[in-house]
Full PDB file with SEQRES, HELIX, SHEET, SSBOND, CRYST1, ORIGX, SCALE, CONECT and MASTER records, all heavy atoms in Angstrom:
SEQRES   1 A   33  GLU LEU SER ASP MET SER SER CYS PRO ARG THR ARG PRO          
SEQRES   2 A   33  THR GLN VAL THR PRO ASP GLU ARG ALA LYS ILE GLY LYS          
SEQRES   3 A   33  LEU LEU GLN ASP PRO LYS CYS                                  
HELIX    1 AA1 PRO A   18  LEU A   28  1                                  11    
CRYST1    1.000    1.000    1.000  90.00  90.00  90.00 P 1           1          
ORIGX1      1.000000  0.000000  0.000000        0.00000                         
ORIGX2      0.000000  1.000000  0.000000        0.00000                         
ORIGX3      0.000000  0.000000  1.000000        0.00000                         
SCALE1      1.000000  0.000000  0.000000        0.00000                         
SCALE2      0.000000  1.000000  0.000000        0.00000                         
SCALE3      0.000000  0.000000  1.000000        0.00000                         
ATOM      1  N   GLU A   1    -217.934  85.103 -58.010  1.00  0.00           N  
ATOM      2  CA  GLU A   1    -217.370  83.931 -57.334  1.00  0.00           C  
ATOM      3  C   GLU A   1    -218.056  82.648 -57.731  1.00  0.00           C  
ATOM      4  O   GLU A   1    -217.666  81.579 -57.302  1.00  0.00           O  
ATOM      5  CB  GLU A   1    -217.487  84.100 -55.836  1.00  0.00           C  
ATOM      6  CG  GLU A   1    -216.718  85.268 -55.260  1.00  0.00           C  
ATOM      7  CD  GLU A   1    -216.928  85.468 -53.775  1.00  0.00           C  
ATOM      8  OE1 GLU A   1    -217.862  84.822 -53.229  1.00  0.00           O  
ATOM      9  OE2 GLU A   1    -216.200  86.230 -53.189  1.00  0.00           O  
ATOM     10  N   LEU A   2    -219.085  82.716 -58.623  1.00  0.00           N  
ATOM     11  CA  LEU A   2    -219.819  81.515 -58.968  1.00  0.00           C  
ATOM     12  C   LEU A   2    -219.081  80.616 -59.943  1.00  0.00           C  
ATOM     13  O   LEU A   2    -219.257  79.418 -59.922  1.00  0.00           O  
ATOM     14  CB  LEU A   2    -221.189  81.900 -59.569  1.00  0.00           C  
ATOM     15  CG  LEU A   2    -222.216  82.400 -58.563  1.00  0.00           C  
ATOM     16  CD1 LEU A   2    -223.485  82.849 -59.250  1.00  0.00           C  
ATOM     17  CD2 LEU A   2    -222.541  81.332 -57.524  1.00  0.00           C  
ATOM     18  N   SER A   3    -218.258  81.195 -60.790  1.00  0.00           N  
ATOM     19  CA  SER A   3    -217.516  80.408 -61.770  1.00  0.00           C  
ATOM     20  C   SER A   3    -216.465  79.570 -61.038  1.00  0.00           C  
ATOM     21  O   SER A   3    -215.890  79.996 -60.021  1.00  0.00           O  
ATOM     22  CB  SER A   3    -216.821  81.266 -62.792  1.00  0.00           C  
ATOM     23  OG  SER A   3    -217.810  82.002 -63.551  1.00  0.00           O  
ATOM     24  N   ASP A   4    -216.254  78.333 -61.574  1.00  0.00           N  
ATOM     25  CA  ASP A   4    -215.235  77.487 -60.966  1.00  0.00           C  
ATOM     26  C   ASP A   4    -213.868  78.142 -61.092  1.00  0.00           C  
ATOM     27  O   ASP A   4    -213.015  77.897 -60.235  1.00  0.00           O  
ATOM     28  CB  ASP A   4    -215.223  76.118 -61.671  1.00  0.00           C  
ATOM     29  CG  ASP A   4    -216.454  75.319 -61.314  1.00  0.00           C  
ATOM     30  OD1 ASP A   4    -217.266  75.789 -60.522  1.00  0.00           O  
ATOM     31  OD2 ASP A   4    -216.596  74.195 -61.806  1.00  0.00           O  
ATOM     32  N   MET A   5    -213.662  78.843 -62.137  1.00  0.00           N  
ATOM     33  CA  MET A   5    -212.418  79.640 -62.290  1.00  0.00           C  
ATOM     34  C   MET A   5    -212.847  81.091 -62.346  1.00  0.00           C  
ATOM     35  O   MET A   5    -213.112  81.639 -63.436  1.00  0.00           O  
ATOM     36  CB  MET A   5    -211.661  79.199 -63.557  1.00  0.00           C  
ATOM     37  CG  MET A   5    -211.273  77.742 -63.526  1.00  0.00           C  
ATOM     38  SD  MET A   5    -210.293  77.269 -64.948  1.00  0.00           S  
ATOM     39  CE  MET A   5    -208.828  78.232 -64.646  1.00  0.00           C  
ATOM     40  N   SER A   6    -212.953  81.708 -61.214  1.00  0.00           N  
ATOM     41  CA  SER A   6    -213.508  83.033 -61.123  1.00  0.00           C  
ATOM     42  C   SER A   6    -212.645  84.032 -61.887  1.00  0.00           C  
ATOM     43  O   SER A   6    -211.399  83.952 -61.900  1.00  0.00           O  
ATOM     44  CB  SER A   6    -213.589  83.463 -59.648  1.00  0.00           C  
ATOM     45  OG  SER A   6    -214.020  84.792 -59.561  1.00  0.00           O  
ATOM     46  N   SER A   7    -213.307  84.982 -62.533  1.00  0.00           N  
ATOM     47  CA  SER A   7    -212.572  86.023 -63.267  1.00  0.00           C  
ATOM     48  C   SER A   7    -212.367  87.257 -62.416  1.00  0.00           C  
ATOM     49  O   SER A   7    -211.817  88.262 -62.880  1.00  0.00           O  
ATOM     50  CB  SER A   7    -213.376  86.411 -64.519  1.00  0.00           C  
ATOM     51  OG  SER A   7    -214.662  86.862 -64.162  1.00  0.00           O  
ATOM     52  N   CYS A   8    -212.815  87.252 -61.189  1.00  0.00           N  
ATOM     53  CA  CYS A   8    -212.649  88.436 -60.307  1.00  0.00           C  
ATOM     54  C   CYS A   8    -211.191  88.533 -59.892  1.00  0.00           C  
ATOM     55  O   CYS A   8    -210.665  87.604 -59.287  1.00  0.00           O  
ATOM     56  CB  CYS A   8    -213.577  88.306 -59.084  1.00  0.00           C  
ATOM     57  SG  CYS A   8    -213.465  89.722 -57.984  1.00  0.00           S  
ATOM     58  N   PRO A   9    -210.556  89.647 -60.163  1.00  0.00           N  
ATOM     59  CA  PRO A   9    -209.137  89.758 -59.777  1.00  0.00           C  
ATOM     60  C   PRO A   9    -208.946  89.812 -58.285  1.00  0.00           C  
ATOM     61  O   PRO A   9    -207.827  89.513 -57.806  1.00  0.00           O  
ATOM     62  CB  PRO A   9    -208.715  91.076 -60.448  1.00  0.00           C  
ATOM     63  CG  PRO A   9    -209.962  91.846 -60.614  1.00  0.00           C  
ATOM     64  CD  PRO A   9    -211.066  90.862 -60.851  1.00  0.00           C  
ATOM     65  N   ARG A  10    -209.978  90.134 -57.519  1.00  0.00           N  
ATOM     66  CA  ARG A  10    -209.812  90.190 -56.054  1.00  0.00           C  
ATOM     67  C   ARG A  10    -209.860  88.777 -55.451  1.00  0.00           C  
ATOM     68  O   ARG A  10    -209.153  88.459 -54.487  1.00  0.00           O  
ATOM     69  CB  ARG A  10    -210.881  91.048 -55.451  1.00  0.00           C  
ATOM     70  CG  ARG A  10    -210.762  92.514 -55.851  1.00  0.00           C  
ATOM     71  CD  ARG A  10    -211.773  93.367 -55.120  1.00  0.00           C  
ATOM     72  NE  ARG A  10    -211.608  94.766 -55.483  1.00  0.00           N  
ATOM     73  CZ  ARG A  10    -212.365  95.742 -54.969  1.00  0.00           C  
ATOM     74  NH1 ARG A  10    -213.306  95.501 -54.061  1.00  0.00           N  
ATOM     75  NH2 ARG A  10    -212.164  97.006 -55.363  1.00  0.00           N  
ATOM     76  N   THR A  11    -210.727  87.918 -56.006  1.00  0.00           N  
ATOM     77  CA  THR A  11    -210.800  86.569 -55.479  1.00  0.00           C  
ATOM     78  C   THR A  11    -209.663  85.699 -56.016  1.00  0.00           C  
ATOM     79  O   THR A  11    -209.299  84.719 -55.352  1.00  0.00           O  
ATOM     80  CB  THR A  11    -212.158  85.917 -55.853  1.00  0.00           C  
ATOM     81  OG1 THR A  11    -212.276  85.944 -57.282  1.00  0.00           O  
ATOM     82  CG2 THR A  11    -213.305  86.711 -55.236  1.00  0.00           C  
ATOM     83  N   ARG A  12    -209.114  86.030 -57.149  1.00  0.00           N  
ATOM     84  CA  ARG A  12    -207.991  85.275 -57.741  1.00  0.00           C  
ATOM     85  C   ARG A  12    -206.891  86.247 -58.136  1.00  0.00           C  
ATOM     86  O   ARG A  12    -206.711  86.558 -59.276  1.00  0.00           O  
ATOM     87  CB  ARG A  12    -208.436  84.463 -58.937  1.00  0.00           C  
ATOM     88  CG  ARG A  12    -209.419  83.337 -58.608  1.00  0.00           C  
ATOM     89  CD  ARG A  12    -209.793  82.520 -59.834  1.00  0.00           C  
ATOM     90  NE  ARG A  12    -208.646  81.816 -60.334  1.00  0.00           N  
ATOM     91  CZ  ARG A  12    -208.059  82.081 -61.513  1.00  0.00           C  
ATOM     92  NH1 ARG A  12    -208.502  83.046 -62.271  1.00  0.00           N  
ATOM     93  NH2 ARG A  12    -207.037  81.348 -61.946  1.00  0.00           N  
ATOM     94  N   PRO A  13    -206.156  86.733 -57.171  1.00  0.00           N  
ATOM     95  CA  PRO A  13    -205.146  87.765 -57.487  1.00  0.00           C  
ATOM     96  C   PRO A  13    -203.948  87.194 -58.265  1.00  0.00           C  
ATOM     97  O   PRO A  13    -203.187  87.973 -58.810  1.00  0.00           O  
ATOM     98  CB  PRO A  13    -204.734  88.274 -56.122  1.00  0.00           C  
ATOM     99  CG  PRO A  13    -205.004  87.142 -55.174  1.00  0.00           C  
ATOM    100  CD  PRO A  13    -206.216  86.451 -55.728  1.00  0.00           C  
ATOM    101  N   THR A  14    -203.792  85.872 -58.305  1.00  0.00           N  
ATOM    102  CA  THR A  14    -202.624  85.303 -59.031  1.00  0.00           C  
ATOM    103  C   THR A  14    -202.881  85.050 -60.498  1.00  0.00           C  
ATOM    104  O   THR A  14    -201.967  84.587 -61.183  1.00  0.00           O  
ATOM    105  CB  THR A  14    -202.249  83.957 -58.349  1.00  0.00           C  
ATOM    106  OG1 THR A  14    -203.358  83.058 -58.418  1.00  0.00           O  
ATOM    107  CG2 THR A  14    -201.831  84.169 -56.913  1.00  0.00           C  
ATOM    108  N   GLN A  15    -204.090  85.361 -60.974  1.00  0.00           N  
ATOM    109  CA  GLN A  15    -204.380  85.119 -62.411  1.00  0.00           C  
ATOM    110  C   GLN A  15    -203.619  86.141 -63.261  1.00  0.00           C  
ATOM    111  O   GLN A  15    -203.262  87.200 -62.809  1.00  0.00           O  
ATOM    112  CB  GLN A  15    -205.874  85.204 -62.668  1.00  0.00           C  
ATOM    113  CG  GLN A  15    -206.481  86.562 -62.382  1.00  0.00           C  
ATOM    114  CD  GLN A  15    -207.933  86.608 -62.674  1.00  0.00           C  
ATOM    115  OE1 GLN A  15    -208.414  85.932 -63.577  1.00  0.00           O  
ATOM    116  NE2 GLN A  15    -208.679  87.412 -61.951  1.00  0.00           N  
ATOM    117  N   VAL A  16    -203.454  85.761 -64.530  1.00  0.00           N  
ATOM    118  CA  VAL A  16    -202.730  86.637 -65.432  1.00  0.00           C  
ATOM    119  C   VAL A  16    -203.568  87.889 -65.708  1.00  0.00           C  
ATOM    120  O   VAL A  16    -204.783  87.870 -65.712  1.00  0.00           O  
ATOM    121  CB  VAL A  16    -202.399  85.937 -66.747  1.00  0.00           C  
ATOM    122  CG1 VAL A  16    -201.422  84.795 -66.544  1.00  0.00           C  
ATOM    123  CG2 VAL A  16    -203.672  85.398 -67.420  1.00  0.00           C  
ATOM    124  N   THR A  17    -202.882  88.943 -65.938  1.00  0.00           N  
ATOM    125  CA  THR A  17    -203.567  90.217 -66.202  1.00  0.00           C  
ATOM    126  C   THR A  17    -204.027  90.252 -67.664  1.00  0.00           C  
ATOM    127  O   THR A  17    -203.561  89.466 -68.499  1.00  0.00           O  
ATOM    128  CB  THR A  17    -202.629  91.401 -65.940  1.00  0.00           C  
ATOM    129  OG1 THR A  17    -201.483  91.300 -66.823  1.00  0.00           O  
ATOM    130  CG2 THR A  17    -202.150  91.389 -64.468  1.00  0.00           C  
ATOM    131  N   PRO A  18    -204.943  91.180 -68.016  1.00  0.00           N  
ATOM    132  CA  PRO A  18    -205.372  91.267 -69.404  1.00  0.00           C  
ATOM    133  C   PRO A  18    -204.187  91.547 -70.360  1.00  0.00           C  
ATOM    134  O   PRO A  18    -204.195  91.059 -71.490  1.00  0.00           O  
ATOM    135  CB  PRO A  18    -206.374  92.416 -69.390  1.00  0.00           C  
ATOM    136  CG  PRO A  18    -206.899  92.412 -67.991  1.00  0.00           C  
ATOM    137  CD  PRO A  18    -205.794  92.007 -67.123  1.00  0.00           C  
ATOM    138  N   ASP A  19    -203.195  92.319 -69.908  1.00  0.00           N  
ATOM    139  CA  ASP A  19    -202.081  92.607 -70.741  1.00  0.00           C  
ATOM    140  C   ASP A  19    -201.261  91.344 -70.993  1.00  0.00           C  
ATOM    141  O   ASP A  19    -200.835  91.086 -72.122  1.00  0.00           O  
ATOM    142  CB  ASP A  19    -201.206  93.692 -70.103  1.00  0.00           C  
ATOM    143  CG  ASP A  19    -200.041  94.115 -70.973  1.00  0.00           C  
ATOM    144  OD1 ASP A  19    -200.213  94.152 -72.196  1.00  0.00           O  
ATOM    145  OD2 ASP A  19    -198.970  94.448 -70.434  1.00  0.00           O  
ATOM    146  N   GLU A  20    -201.041  90.569 -69.959  1.00  0.00           N  
ATOM    147  CA  GLU A  20    -200.314  89.304 -70.147  1.00  0.00           C  
ATOM    148  C   GLU A  20    -201.100  88.318 -71.044  1.00  0.00           C  
ATOM    149  O   GLU A  20    -200.525  87.598 -71.848  1.00  0.00           O  
ATOM    150  CB  GLU A  20    -200.031  88.657 -68.776  1.00  0.00           C  
ATOM    151  CG  GLU A  20    -199.030  89.432 -67.957  1.00  0.00           C  
ATOM    152  CD  GLU A  20    -198.862  88.831 -66.589  1.00  0.00           C  
ATOM    153  OE1 GLU A  20    -199.882  88.314 -66.003  1.00  0.00           O  
ATOM    154  OE2 GLU A  20    -197.742  88.816 -66.048  1.00  0.00           O  
ATOM    155  N   ARG A  21    -202.444  88.287 -70.858  1.00  0.00           N  
ATOM    156  CA  ARG A  21    -203.250  87.436 -71.702  1.00  0.00           C  
ATOM    157  C   ARG A  21    -203.138  87.809 -73.157  1.00  0.00           C  
ATOM    158  O   ARG A  21    -203.069  86.940 -74.048  1.00  0.00           O  
ATOM    159  CB  ARG A  21    -204.685  87.474 -71.228  1.00  0.00           C  
ATOM    160  CG  ARG A  21    -205.582  86.394 -71.830  1.00  0.00           C  
ATOM    161  CD  ARG A  21    -207.014  86.537 -71.396  1.00  0.00           C  
ATOM    162  NE  ARG A  21    -207.111  86.455 -69.951  1.00  0.00           N  
ATOM    163  CZ  ARG A  21    -207.468  87.427 -69.150  1.00  0.00           C  
ATOM    164  NH1 ARG A  21    -207.717  88.646 -69.659  1.00  0.00           N  
ATOM    165  NH2 ARG A  21    -207.583  87.263 -67.856  1.00  0.00           N  
ATOM    166  N   ALA A  22    -203.137  89.107 -73.436  1.00  0.00           N  
ATOM    167  CA  ALA A  22    -203.022  89.572 -74.809  1.00  0.00           C  
ATOM    168  C   ALA A  22    -201.640  89.201 -75.409  1.00  0.00           C  
ATOM    169  O   ALA A  22    -201.528  88.799 -76.568  1.00  0.00           O  
ATOM    170  CB  ALA A  22    -203.244  91.071 -74.882  1.00  0.00           C  
ATOM    171  N   LYS A  23    -200.582  89.275 -74.588  1.00  0.00           N  
ATOM    172  CA  LYS A  23    -199.280  88.914 -75.073  1.00  0.00           C  
ATOM    173  C   LYS A  23    -199.190  87.421 -75.376  1.00  0.00           C  
ATOM    174  O   LYS A  23    -198.590  87.010 -76.386  1.00  0.00           O  
ATOM    175  CB  LYS A  23    -198.191  89.271 -74.029  1.00  0.00           C  
ATOM    176  CG  LYS A  23    -197.987  90.783 -73.887  1.00  0.00           C  
ATOM    177  CD  LYS A  23    -196.921  91.074 -72.839  1.00  0.00           C  
ATOM    178  CE  LYS A  23    -196.690  92.572 -72.676  1.00  0.00           C  
ATOM    179  NZ  LYS A  23    -195.680  92.872 -71.613  1.00  0.00           N  
ATOM    180  N   ILE A  24    -199.789  86.588 -74.549  1.00  0.00           N  
ATOM    181  CA  ILE A  24    -199.800  85.159 -74.776  1.00  0.00           C  
ATOM    182  C   ILE A  24    -200.527  84.829 -76.087  1.00  0.00           C  
ATOM    183  O   ILE A  24    -200.044  84.020 -76.915  1.00  0.00           O  
ATOM    184  CB  ILE A  24    -200.437  84.400 -73.608  1.00  0.00           C  
ATOM    185  CG1 ILE A  24    -199.553  84.543 -72.348  1.00  0.00           C  
ATOM    186  CG2 ILE A  24    -200.674  82.945 -73.901  1.00  0.00           C  
ATOM    187  CD1 ILE A  24    -200.165  83.962 -71.101  1.00  0.00           C  
ATOM    188  N   GLY A  25    -201.698  85.443 -76.293  1.00  0.00           N  
ATOM    189  CA  GLY A  25    -202.407  85.171 -77.535  1.00  0.00           C  
ATOM    190  C   GLY A  25    -201.654  85.654 -78.736  1.00  0.00           C  
ATOM    191  O   GLY A  25    -201.673  84.983 -79.795  1.00  0.00           O  
ATOM    192  N   LYS A  26    -200.943  86.774 -78.654  1.00  0.00           N  
ATOM    193  CA  LYS A  26    -200.191  87.291 -79.786  1.00  0.00           C  
ATOM    194  C   LYS A  26    -199.018  86.360 -80.107  1.00  0.00           C  
ATOM    195  O   LYS A  26    -198.735  86.076 -81.281  1.00  0.00           O  
ATOM    196  CB  LYS A  26    -199.695  88.679 -79.469  1.00  0.00           C  
ATOM    197  CG  LYS A  26    -198.950  89.347 -80.638  1.00  0.00           C  
ATOM    198  CD  LYS A  26    -198.534  90.785 -80.291  1.00  0.00           C  
ATOM    199  CE  LYS A  26    -197.796  91.444 -81.433  1.00  0.00           C  
ATOM    200  NZ  LYS A  26    -197.402  92.821 -81.110  1.00  0.00           N  
ATOM    201  N   LEU A  27    -198.322  85.835 -79.088  1.00  0.00           N  
ATOM    202  CA  LEU A  27    -197.192  84.943 -79.334  1.00  0.00           C  
ATOM    203  C   LEU A  27    -197.650  83.636 -79.913  1.00  0.00           C  
ATOM    204  O   LEU A  27    -196.998  83.058 -80.805  1.00  0.00           O  
ATOM    205  CB  LEU A  27    -196.443  84.721 -78.009  1.00  0.00           C  
ATOM    206  CG  LEU A  27    -195.647  85.887 -77.480  1.00  0.00           C  
ATOM    207  CD1 LEU A  27    -195.092  85.564 -76.091  1.00  0.00           C  
ATOM    208  CD2 LEU A  27    -194.504  86.261 -78.417  1.00  0.00           C  
ATOM    209  N   LEU A  28    -198.772  83.111 -79.410  1.00  0.00           N  
ATOM    210  CA  LEU A  28    -199.244  81.807 -79.910  1.00  0.00           C  
ATOM    211  C   LEU A  28    -199.694  81.891 -81.356  1.00  0.00           C  
ATOM    212  O   LEU A  28    -199.545  80.908 -82.112  1.00  0.00           O  
ATOM    213  CB  LEU A  28    -200.386  81.294 -79.021  1.00  0.00           C  
ATOM    214  CG  LEU A  28    -200.045  80.836 -77.630  1.00  0.00           C  
ATOM    215  CD1 LEU A  28    -201.285  80.531 -76.829  1.00  0.00           C  
ATOM    216  CD2 LEU A  28    -199.168  79.562 -77.729  1.00  0.00           C  
ATOM    217  N   GLN A  29    -200.228  83.000 -81.796  1.00  0.00           N  
ATOM    218  CA  GLN A  29    -200.752  83.133 -83.129  1.00  0.00           C  
ATOM    219  C   GLN A  29    -199.813  83.887 -84.077  1.00  0.00           C  
ATOM    220  O   GLN A  29    -200.192  84.200 -85.222  1.00  0.00           O  
ATOM    221  CB  GLN A  29    -202.086  83.839 -83.099  1.00  0.00           C  
ATOM    222  CG  GLN A  29    -203.107  83.136 -82.213  1.00  0.00           C  
ATOM    223  CD  GLN A  29    -204.435  83.866 -82.131  1.00  0.00           C  
ATOM    224  OE1 GLN A  29    -205.323  83.718 -82.965  1.00  0.00           O  
ATOM    225  NE2 GLN A  29    -204.531  84.732 -81.115  1.00  0.00           N  
ATOM    226  N   ASP A  30    -198.622  84.203 -83.648  1.00  0.00           N  
ATOM    227  CA  ASP A  30    -197.679  84.912 -84.455  1.00  0.00           C  
ATOM    228  C   ASP A  30    -197.019  83.966 -85.466  1.00  0.00           C  
ATOM    229  O   ASP A  30    -196.416  82.943 -85.069  1.00  0.00           O  
ATOM    230  CB  ASP A  30    -196.577  85.553 -83.589  1.00  0.00           C  
ATOM    231  CG  ASP A  30    -195.702  86.532 -84.370  1.00  0.00           C  
ATOM    232  OD1 ASP A  30    -195.914  86.666 -85.591  1.00  0.00           O  
ATOM    233  OD2 ASP A  30    -194.814  87.173 -83.769  1.00  0.00           O  
ATOM    234  N   PRO A  31    -197.097  84.211 -86.794  1.00  0.00           N  
ATOM    235  CA  PRO A  31    -196.472  83.323 -87.780  1.00  0.00           C  
ATOM    236  C   PRO A  31    -194.962  83.229 -87.601  1.00  0.00           C  
ATOM    237  O   PRO A  31    -194.355  82.213 -87.962  1.00  0.00           O  
ATOM    238  CB  PRO A  31    -196.857  83.918 -89.098  1.00  0.00           C  
ATOM    239  CG  PRO A  31    -198.058  84.757 -88.824  1.00  0.00           C  
ATOM    240  CD  PRO A  31    -197.856  85.271 -87.443  1.00  0.00           C  
ATOM    241  N   LYS A  32    -194.315  84.270 -87.034  1.00  0.00           N  
ATOM    242  CA  LYS A  32    -192.893  84.234 -86.872  1.00  0.00           C  
ATOM    243  C   LYS A  32    -192.464  83.223 -85.792  1.00  0.00           C  
ATOM    244  O   LYS A  32    -191.300  82.832 -85.772  1.00  0.00           O  
ATOM    245  CB  LYS A  32    -192.383  85.640 -86.484  1.00  0.00           C  
ATOM    246  CG  LYS A  32    -192.604  86.689 -87.560  1.00  0.00           C  
ATOM    247  CD  LYS A  32    -192.069  88.031 -87.115  1.00  0.00           C  
ATOM    248  CE  LYS A  32    -192.290  89.108 -88.147  1.00  0.00           C  
ATOM    249  NZ  LYS A  32    -191.804  90.428 -87.736  1.00  0.00           N  
ATOM    250  N   CYS A  33    -193.407  82.856 -84.946  1.00  0.00           N  
ATOM    251  CA  CYS A  33    -193.101  81.867 -83.896  1.00  0.00           C  
ATOM    252  C   CYS A  33    -193.643  80.477 -84.216  1.00  0.00           C  
ATOM    253  O   CYS A  33    -193.773  79.604 -83.347  1.00  0.00           O  
ATOM    254  CB  CYS A  33    -193.662  82.316 -82.563  1.00  0.00           C  
ATOM    255  SG  CYS A  33    -193.016  83.898 -81.996  1.00  0.00           S  
TER     256      CYS A  33                                                      
MASTER        0    0    0    1    0    0    0    6  255    1    0    3          
END                                                                             
């Protein structure tokens, strides 16, 4: 809870999941896009 943007999924249940984060990174760095 010390981080200003906590990475704890219990304290911030609305944050993106690791699977969604991986999809965002793949789309942003995909040459086809």
